[in-house]
Amino acid sequence: MEETDVISHLIEVERQAATLLMDAQTEADSRIAAAKTKADEKYRSGYEKAVAGVEAEYRAAVDEIAAE
């Protein structure tokens, strides 16, 4: 009878560990997704600023050449 209780307890502990692991994986996935979204937004913002700067320089150069 005691062996059954020990085995039952070990199975319960294993089930709790599996649940804890699944919860941790879900939390990690959520944090990774949030970090990726934030990084993508930061990259997109920087990229758009860089493109706008280069385009402004290009237009200025074109206007300068056209004025000559």
N, C-alpha and C. Protein backbone atom coordinates (compact mmCIF):
# COMPACT_ATOMS: atom_id res chain seq x y z
N MET A 1 0.82 -1.19 0.00
CA MET A 1 0.00 0.00 0.00
C MET A 1 0.86 1.26 0.00
N GLU A 2 1.93 1.23 0.75
CA GLU A 2 2.81 2.40 0.83
C GLU A 2 3.50 2.66 -0.51
N GLU A 3 3.86 1.59 -1.21
CA GLU A 3 4.50 1.77 -2.52
C GLU A 3 3.55 2.47 -3.49
N THR A 4 2.27 2.14 -3.42
CA THR A 4 1.27 2.75 -4.29
C THR A 4 1.17 4.24 -3.99
N ASP A 5 1.20 4.61 -2.72
CA ASP A 5 1.14 6.02 -2.35
C ASP A 5 2.37 6.77 -2.85
N VAL A 6 3.53 6.14 -2.75
CA VAL A 6 4.76 6.78 -3.21
C VAL A 6 4.72 6.96 -4.72
N ILE A 7 4.32 5.93 -5.43
CA ILE A 7 4.25 6.01 -6.90
C ILE A 7 3.21 7.05 -7.30
N SER A 8 2.07 7.06 -6.64
CA SER A 8 1.03 8.04 -6.93
C SER A 8 1.55 9.46 -6.69
N HIS A 9 2.27 9.65 -5.61
CA HIS A 9 2.84 10.97 -5.31
C HIS A 9 3.86 11.37 -6.38
N LEU A 10 4.72 10.44 -6.79
CA LEU A 10 5.71 10.75 -7.82
C LEU A 10 5.05 11.10 -9.15
N ILE A 11 3.98 10.41 -9.47
CA ILE A 11 3.26 10.73 -10.71
C ILE A 11 2.65 12.12 -10.62
N GLU A 12 2.11 12.47 -9.47
CA GLU A 12 1.53 13.80 -9.27
C GLU A 12 2.62 14.88 -9.37
N VAL A 13 3.78 14.61 -8.78
CA VAL A 13 4.89 15.56 -8.86
C VAL A 13 5.32 15.74 -10.31
N GLU A 14 5.38 14.65 -11.07
CA GLU A 14 5.76 14.72 -12.48
C GLU A 14 4.72 15.52 -13.28
N ARG A 15 3.44 15.33 -12.97
CA ARG A 15 2.37 16.08 -13.64
C ARG A 15 2.50 17.57 -13.34
N GLN A 16 2.78 17.90 -12.09
CA GLN A 16 2.95 19.31 -11.72
C GLN A 16 4.17 19.91 -12.41
N ALA A 17 5.24 19.14 -12.52
CA ALA A 17 6.44 19.63 -13.21
C ALA A 17 6.15 19.87 -14.68
N ALA A 18 5.40 18.98 -15.30
CA ALA A 18 5.05 19.16 -16.71
C ALA A 18 4.18 20.40 -16.90
N THR A 19 3.25 20.63 -15.99
CA THR A 19 2.40 21.82 -16.05
C THR A 19 3.23 23.08 -15.88
N LEU A 20 4.14 23.05 -14.92
CA LEU A 20 5.03 24.20 -14.69
C LEU A 20 5.89 24.48 -15.91
N LEU A 21 6.41 23.43 -16.53
CA LEU A 21 7.24 23.59 -17.72
C LEU A 21 6.42 24.18 -18.87
N MET A 22 5.19 23.71 -19.03
CA MET A 22 4.33 24.23 -20.11
C MET A 22 4.01 25.70 -19.87
N ASP A 23 3.73 26.06 -18.62
CA ASP A 23 3.46 27.46 -18.30
C ASP A 23 4.68 28.34 -18.57
N ALA A 24 5.85 27.83 -18.21
CA ALA A 24 7.09 28.59 -18.45
C ALA A 24 7.34 28.76 -19.94
N GLN A 25 7.09 27.72 -20.73
CA GLN A 25 7.29 27.80 -22.18
C GLN A 25 6.31 28.80 -22.80
N THR A 26 5.07 28.78 -22.33
CA THR A 26 4.07 29.72 -22.83
C THR A 26 4.48 31.16 -22.51
N GLU A 27 4.95 31.40 -21.30
CA GLU A 27 5.41 32.73 -20.89
C GLU A 27 6.61 33.16 -21.72
N ALA A 28 7.55 32.25 -21.94
CA ALA A 28 8.73 32.57 -22.75
C ALA A 28 8.33 32.92 -24.18
N ASP A 29 7.43 32.14 -24.75
CA ASP A 29 6.96 32.42 -26.11
C ASP A 29 6.30 33.80 -26.19
N SER A 30 5.53 34.13 -25.18
CA SER A 30 4.86 35.43 -25.14
C SER A 30 5.87 36.56 -25.06
N ARG A 31 6.86 36.40 -24.19
CA ARG A 31 7.88 37.45 -24.06
C ARG A 31 8.71 37.59 -25.32
N ILE A 32 9.03 36.48 -25.96
CA ILE A 32 9.81 36.52 -27.20
C ILE A 32 9.02 37.24 -28.29
N ALA A 33 7.73 36.93 -28.39
CA ALA A 33 6.89 37.59 -29.40
C ALA A 33 6.80 39.09 -29.15
N ALA A 34 6.66 39.47 -27.89
CA ALA A 34 6.59 40.90 -27.56
C ALA A 34 7.91 41.60 -27.88
N ALA A 35 9.02 40.96 -27.56
CA ALA A 35 10.34 41.55 -27.85
C ALA A 35 10.55 41.67 -29.35
N LYS A 36 10.12 40.66 -30.11
CA LYS A 36 10.27 40.70 -31.56
C LYS A 36 9.44 41.84 -32.15
N THR A 37 8.22 41.99 -31.67
CA THR A 37 7.36 43.07 -32.15
C THR A 37 8.00 44.43 -31.87
N LYS A 38 8.52 44.59 -30.66
CA LYS A 38 9.16 45.85 -30.29
C LYS A 38 10.40 46.10 -31.15
N ALA A 39 11.20 45.08 -31.37
CA ALA A 39 12.41 45.23 -32.20
C ALA A 39 12.04 45.56 -33.64
N ASP A 40 11.00 44.91 -34.16
CA ASP A 40 10.56 45.19 -35.53
C ASP A 40 10.09 46.64 -35.68
N GLU A 41 9.35 47.11 -34.68
CA GLU A 41 8.88 48.50 -34.73
C GLU A 41 10.06 49.47 -34.67
N LYS A 42 11.02 49.18 -33.82
CA LYS A 42 12.20 50.05 -33.70
C LYS A 42 12.98 50.05 -35.01
N TYR A 43 13.16 48.88 -35.62
CA TYR A 43 13.88 48.79 -36.89
C TYR A 43 13.13 49.56 -37.97
N ARG A 44 11.82 49.34 -38.06
CA ARG A 44 11.02 50.00 -39.09
C ARG A 44 11.10 51.51 -38.96
N SER A 45 11.04 52.01 -37.73
CA SER A 45 11.12 53.44 -37.49
C SER A 45 12.47 53.99 -37.93
N GLY A 46 13.53 53.31 -37.54
CA GLY A 46 14.87 53.74 -37.93
C GLY A 46 15.07 53.68 -39.43
N TYR A 47 14.55 52.63 -40.05
CA TYR A 47 14.68 52.45 -41.49
C TYR A 47 13.96 53.58 -42.23
N GLU A 48 12.75 53.89 -41.78
CA GLU A 48 11.99 54.95 -42.44
C GLU A 48 12.68 56.30 -42.29
N LYS A 49 13.28 56.57 -41.13
CA LYS A 49 14.02 57.82 -40.95
C LYS A 49 15.23 57.87 -41.87
N ALA A 50 15.94 56.75 -41.98
CA ALA A 50 17.12 56.70 -42.84
C ALA A 50 16.73 56.90 -44.30
N VAL A 51 15.67 56.26 -44.73
CA VAL A 51 15.20 56.40 -46.11
C VAL A 51 14.78 57.84 -46.37
N ALA A 52 14.08 58.45 -45.43
CA ALA A 52 13.64 59.84 -45.60
C ALA A 52 14.85 60.76 -45.72
N GLY A 53 15.89 60.52 -44.91
CA GLY A 53 17.10 61.35 -44.98
C GLY A 53 17.81 61.21 -46.31
N VAL A 54 17.96 59.97 -46.77
CA VAL A 54 18.64 59.73 -48.04
C VAL A 54 17.82 60.32 -49.19
N GLU A 55 16.52 60.16 -49.11
CA GLU A 55 15.67 60.71 -50.17
C GLU A 55 15.75 62.23 -50.20
N ALA A 56 15.80 62.86 -49.05
CA ALA A 56 15.92 64.32 -49.00
C ALA A 56 17.26 64.76 -49.61
N GLU A 57 18.32 64.04 -49.29
CA GLU A 57 19.63 64.36 -49.88
C GLU A 57 19.59 64.19 -51.39
N TYR A 58 18.95 63.13 -51.86
CA TYR A 58 18.84 62.87 -53.29
C TYR A 58 18.07 64.00 -53.99
N ARG A 59 16.93 64.37 -53.41
CA ARG A 59 16.13 65.44 -54.01
C ARG A 59 16.91 66.76 -54.05
N ALA A 60 17.65 67.04 -52.97
CA ALA A 60 18.46 68.26 -52.93
C ALA A 60 19.53 68.22 -54.02
N ALA A 61 20.16 67.06 -54.20
CA ALA A 61 21.19 66.93 -55.23
C ALA A 61 20.58 67.09 -56.62
N VAL A 62 19.42 66.50 -56.83
CA VAL A 62 18.73 66.60 -58.14
C VAL A 62 18.35 68.04 -58.40
N ASP A 63 17.82 68.72 -57.39
CA ASP A 63 17.43 70.12 -57.57
C ASP A 63 18.66 70.99 -57.86
N GLU A 64 19.77 70.68 -57.18
CA GLU A 64 21.00 71.46 -57.40
C GLU A 64 21.51 71.25 -58.81
N ILE A 65 21.46 70.03 -59.30
CA ILE A 65 21.92 69.75 -60.65
C ILE A 65 21.00 70.41 -61.67
N ALA A 66 19.71 70.35 -61.40
CA ALA A 66 18.73 70.94 -62.32
C ALA A 66 18.88 72.47 -62.38
N ALA A 67 19.31 73.06 -61.28
CA ALA A 67 19.46 74.52 -61.23
C ALA A 67 20.69 74.98 -62.01
N GLU A 68 21.61 74.10 -62.24
CA GLU A 68 22.86 74.50 -62.95
C GLU A 68 22.66 74.72 -64.41
